[in-house]
Amino acid sequence: MDDLDREILDVLRRDARTPYTEIAEQVGTSEGTVRNRVDRMTDEGVIDRFTVSTRTGNVKAMLEVSVAVDVDTTAVSERMAEWQLVDFVWQVSGEEDVVLVVDAADTQALNELITRARELEDVVSTKTRLILDEQR
C-alpha cells in the first residue's frame, strides 16, 4: 500500500459512495487508476466492506465485553458479529477484550442485546456506553 492508496481510502472513509471520477480528481490521478486500486484493495482484503452510516434516531452504544482468560476472543467476536444490531466488533487491548458498536431501535432492544451477551458462558462482564453524538 502506498500514499495514493491511503489517499483513496481517506476519501472512501468519509463517503464510500464517492464516484471514482471525483476521487481521481481529489487525489490527482485517473478514474481507471482509482478503480483498479479499489478493486485490488478489495481483493487483498484491505477494504473489508462498504457500509452505510445512518442517523435514524436509534440508540447507539458501545458494549464493552470482558471474556475469561482461557477463551478464544476471535471466536467470541465472530459469533457476536453475526448479531443483527451489531455494526462493528473490535478486539481491543485494555480492561475489556471486545467492543461492539450497536445500533438499536430503542433502549429495550439494546438491553436485550446486553442480556444476550451476558448470557454467553465465555463472557465475564460487560460495560455499556451510550453514544450521544458522532461527528464525521
Protein backbone atom coordinates (compact mmCIF):
# COMPACT_ATOMS: atom_id res chain seq x y z
CA MET A 1 0.00 0.00 0.00
CA ASP A 2 1.40 3.39 -0.95
CA ASP A 3 0.45 7.03 -0.36
CA LEU A 4 -2.05 7.06 -3.25
CA ASP A 5 -3.86 4.04 -1.81
CA ARG A 6 -4.04 5.83 1.56
CA GLU A 7 -5.44 8.98 -0.07
CA ILE A 8 -8.11 6.95 -1.87
CA LEU A 9 -9.02 5.21 1.39
CA ASP A 10 -9.29 8.57 3.17
CA VAL A 11 -11.88 9.72 0.63
CA LEU A 12 -13.82 6.44 0.85
CA ARG A 13 -13.84 6.53 4.67
CA ARG A 14 -15.63 9.87 4.57
CA ASP A 15 -18.12 8.72 1.93
CA ALA A 16 -17.93 5.25 0.39
CA ARG A 17 -20.33 6.36 -2.36
CA THR A 18 -17.92 8.95 -3.77
CA PRO A 19 -17.71 8.38 -7.54
CA TYR A 20 -14.33 7.20 -8.80
CA THR A 21 -14.12 10.25 -11.08
CA GLU A 22 -14.44 12.54 -8.05
CA ILE A 23 -11.88 10.54 -6.05
CA ALA A 24 -9.49 10.72 -9.03
CA GLU A 25 -9.88 14.49 -9.15
CA GLN A 26 -9.27 14.82 -5.40
CA VAL A 27 -6.13 12.66 -5.36
CA GLY A 28 -4.73 13.75 -8.73
CA THR A 29 -4.93 10.59 -10.82
CA SER A 30 -7.23 8.95 -13.39
CA GLU A 31 -10.55 7.26 -12.79
CA GLY A 32 -9.14 3.99 -14.11
CA THR A 33 -6.29 4.09 -11.62
CA VAL A 34 -8.73 4.65 -8.75
CA ARG A 35 -10.97 1.81 -9.98
CA ASN A 36 -8.03 -0.59 -10.31
CA ARG A 37 -6.64 0.30 -6.90
CA VAL A 38 -10.02 -0.04 -5.14
CA ASP A 39 -10.55 -3.41 -6.85
CA ARG A 40 -7.06 -4.55 -5.80
CA MET A 41 -7.52 -3.37 -2.20
CA THR A 42 -10.87 -5.14 -2.06
CA ASP A 43 -9.39 -8.36 -3.46
CA GLU A 44 -6.47 -8.19 -0.98
CA GLY A 45 -8.78 -7.59 1.97
CA VAL A 46 -7.50 -4.08 2.69
CA ILE A 47 -11.06 -2.90 2.06
CA ASP A 48 -13.26 -5.27 4.01
CA ARG A 49 -16.64 -3.83 3.12
CA PHE A 50 -18.52 -0.72 2.10
CA THR A 51 -21.10 0.32 4.67
CA VAL A 52 -23.76 2.90 5.41
CA SER A 53 -23.81 5.17 8.42
CA THR A 54 -27.27 6.42 9.33
CA ARG A 55 -28.82 8.98 11.60
CA THR A 56 -32.06 7.17 12.34
CA GLY A 57 -32.74 8.38 15.86
CA ASN A 58 -31.86 4.92 17.12
CA VAL A 59 -29.97 4.26 20.33
CA LYS A 60 -26.30 3.79 19.53
CA ALA A 61 -23.93 2.31 22.05
CA MET A 62 -20.59 0.67 22.63
CA LEU A 63 -20.84 -2.58 24.55
CA GLU A 64 -17.50 -3.44 26.13
CA VAL A 65 -17.14 -7.14 26.86
CA SER A 66 -14.63 -8.99 29.05
CA VAL A 67 -14.14 -12.70 28.49
CA ALA A 68 -12.46 -15.39 30.56
CA VAL A 69 -8.67 -15.67 30.20
CA ASP A 70 -8.80 -19.09 28.53
CA VAL A 71 -11.35 -18.05 25.89
CA ASP A 72 -10.70 -17.67 22.16
CA THR A 73 -11.56 -13.99 21.75
CA THR A 74 -11.72 -14.32 17.96
CA ALA A 75 -14.43 -16.99 18.18
CA VAL A 76 -16.50 -14.86 20.57
CA SER A 77 -16.05 -11.81 18.30
CA GLU A 78 -17.11 -13.73 15.21
CA ARG A 79 -20.25 -15.01 16.96
CA MET A 80 -21.23 -11.50 18.12
CA ALA A 81 -20.52 -10.00 14.69
CA GLU A 82 -23.46 -12.02 13.35
CA TRP A 83 -25.95 -10.36 15.72
CA GLN A 84 -28.36 -8.15 13.82
CA LEU A 85 -27.92 -4.94 15.85
CA VAL A 86 -24.11 -5.05 15.79
CA ASP A 87 -22.41 -2.72 13.30
CA PHE A 88 -18.80 -3.42 14.30
CA VAL A 89 -16.88 -5.78 16.54
CA TRP A 90 -13.41 -4.80 17.68
CA GLN A 91 -10.94 -6.93 19.60
CA VAL A 92 -9.14 -4.45 21.85
CA SER A 93 -6.42 -4.23 24.47
CA GLY A 94 -7.08 -2.94 27.97
CA GLU A 95 -9.62 -3.89 30.60
CA GLU A 96 -12.11 -5.23 28.08
CA ASP A 97 -11.43 -7.73 25.31
CA VAL A 98 -14.16 -6.98 22.77
CA VAL A 99 -16.11 -3.85 21.90
CA LEU A 100 -19.39 -3.99 19.99
CA VAL A 101 -20.76 -0.91 18.26
CA VAL A 102 -24.53 -1.32 18.38
CA ASP A 103 -27.38 0.46 16.59
CA ALA A 104 -30.65 -0.45 18.35
CA ALA A 105 -34.16 0.83 17.72
CA ASP A 106 -34.67 1.65 21.41
CA THR A 107 -33.33 1.01 24.90
CA GLN A 108 -35.32 -2.22 25.22
CA ALA A 109 -33.61 -3.69 22.15
CA LEU A 110 -30.25 -2.55 23.48
CA ASN A 111 -30.96 -4.13 26.86
CA GLU A 112 -31.94 -7.41 25.18
CA LEU A 113 -28.62 -7.43 23.32
CA ILE A 114 -26.70 -6.74 26.54
CA THR A 115 -28.54 -9.63 28.22
CA ARG A 116 -27.73 -11.89 25.27
CA ALA A 117 -24.03 -11.03 25.62
CA ARG A 118 -24.06 -11.60 29.37
CA GLU A 119 -25.69 -15.00 28.93
CA LEU A 120 -22.74 -16.30 26.92
CA GLU A 121 -20.75 -18.60 29.16
CA ASP A 122 -17.42 -17.08 27.97
CA VAL A 123 -18.43 -13.55 29.00
CA VAL A 124 -17.23 -12.41 32.42
CA SER A 125 -18.61 -8.85 32.39
CA THR A 126 -19.96 -6.07 30.21
CA LYS A 127 -19.90 -2.29 30.31
CA THR A 128 -22.17 -0.15 28.15
CA ARG A 129 -21.54 3.37 26.90
CA LEU A 130 -24.28 5.25 25.05
CA ILE A 131 -23.08 7.23 22.05
CA LEU A 132 -24.55 10.69 22.48
CA ASP A 133 -23.20 12.32 19.33
CA GLU A 134 -20.96 11.42 16.42
CA GLN A 135 -19.05 13.61 14.01
CA ARG A 136 -17.72 12.60 10.63
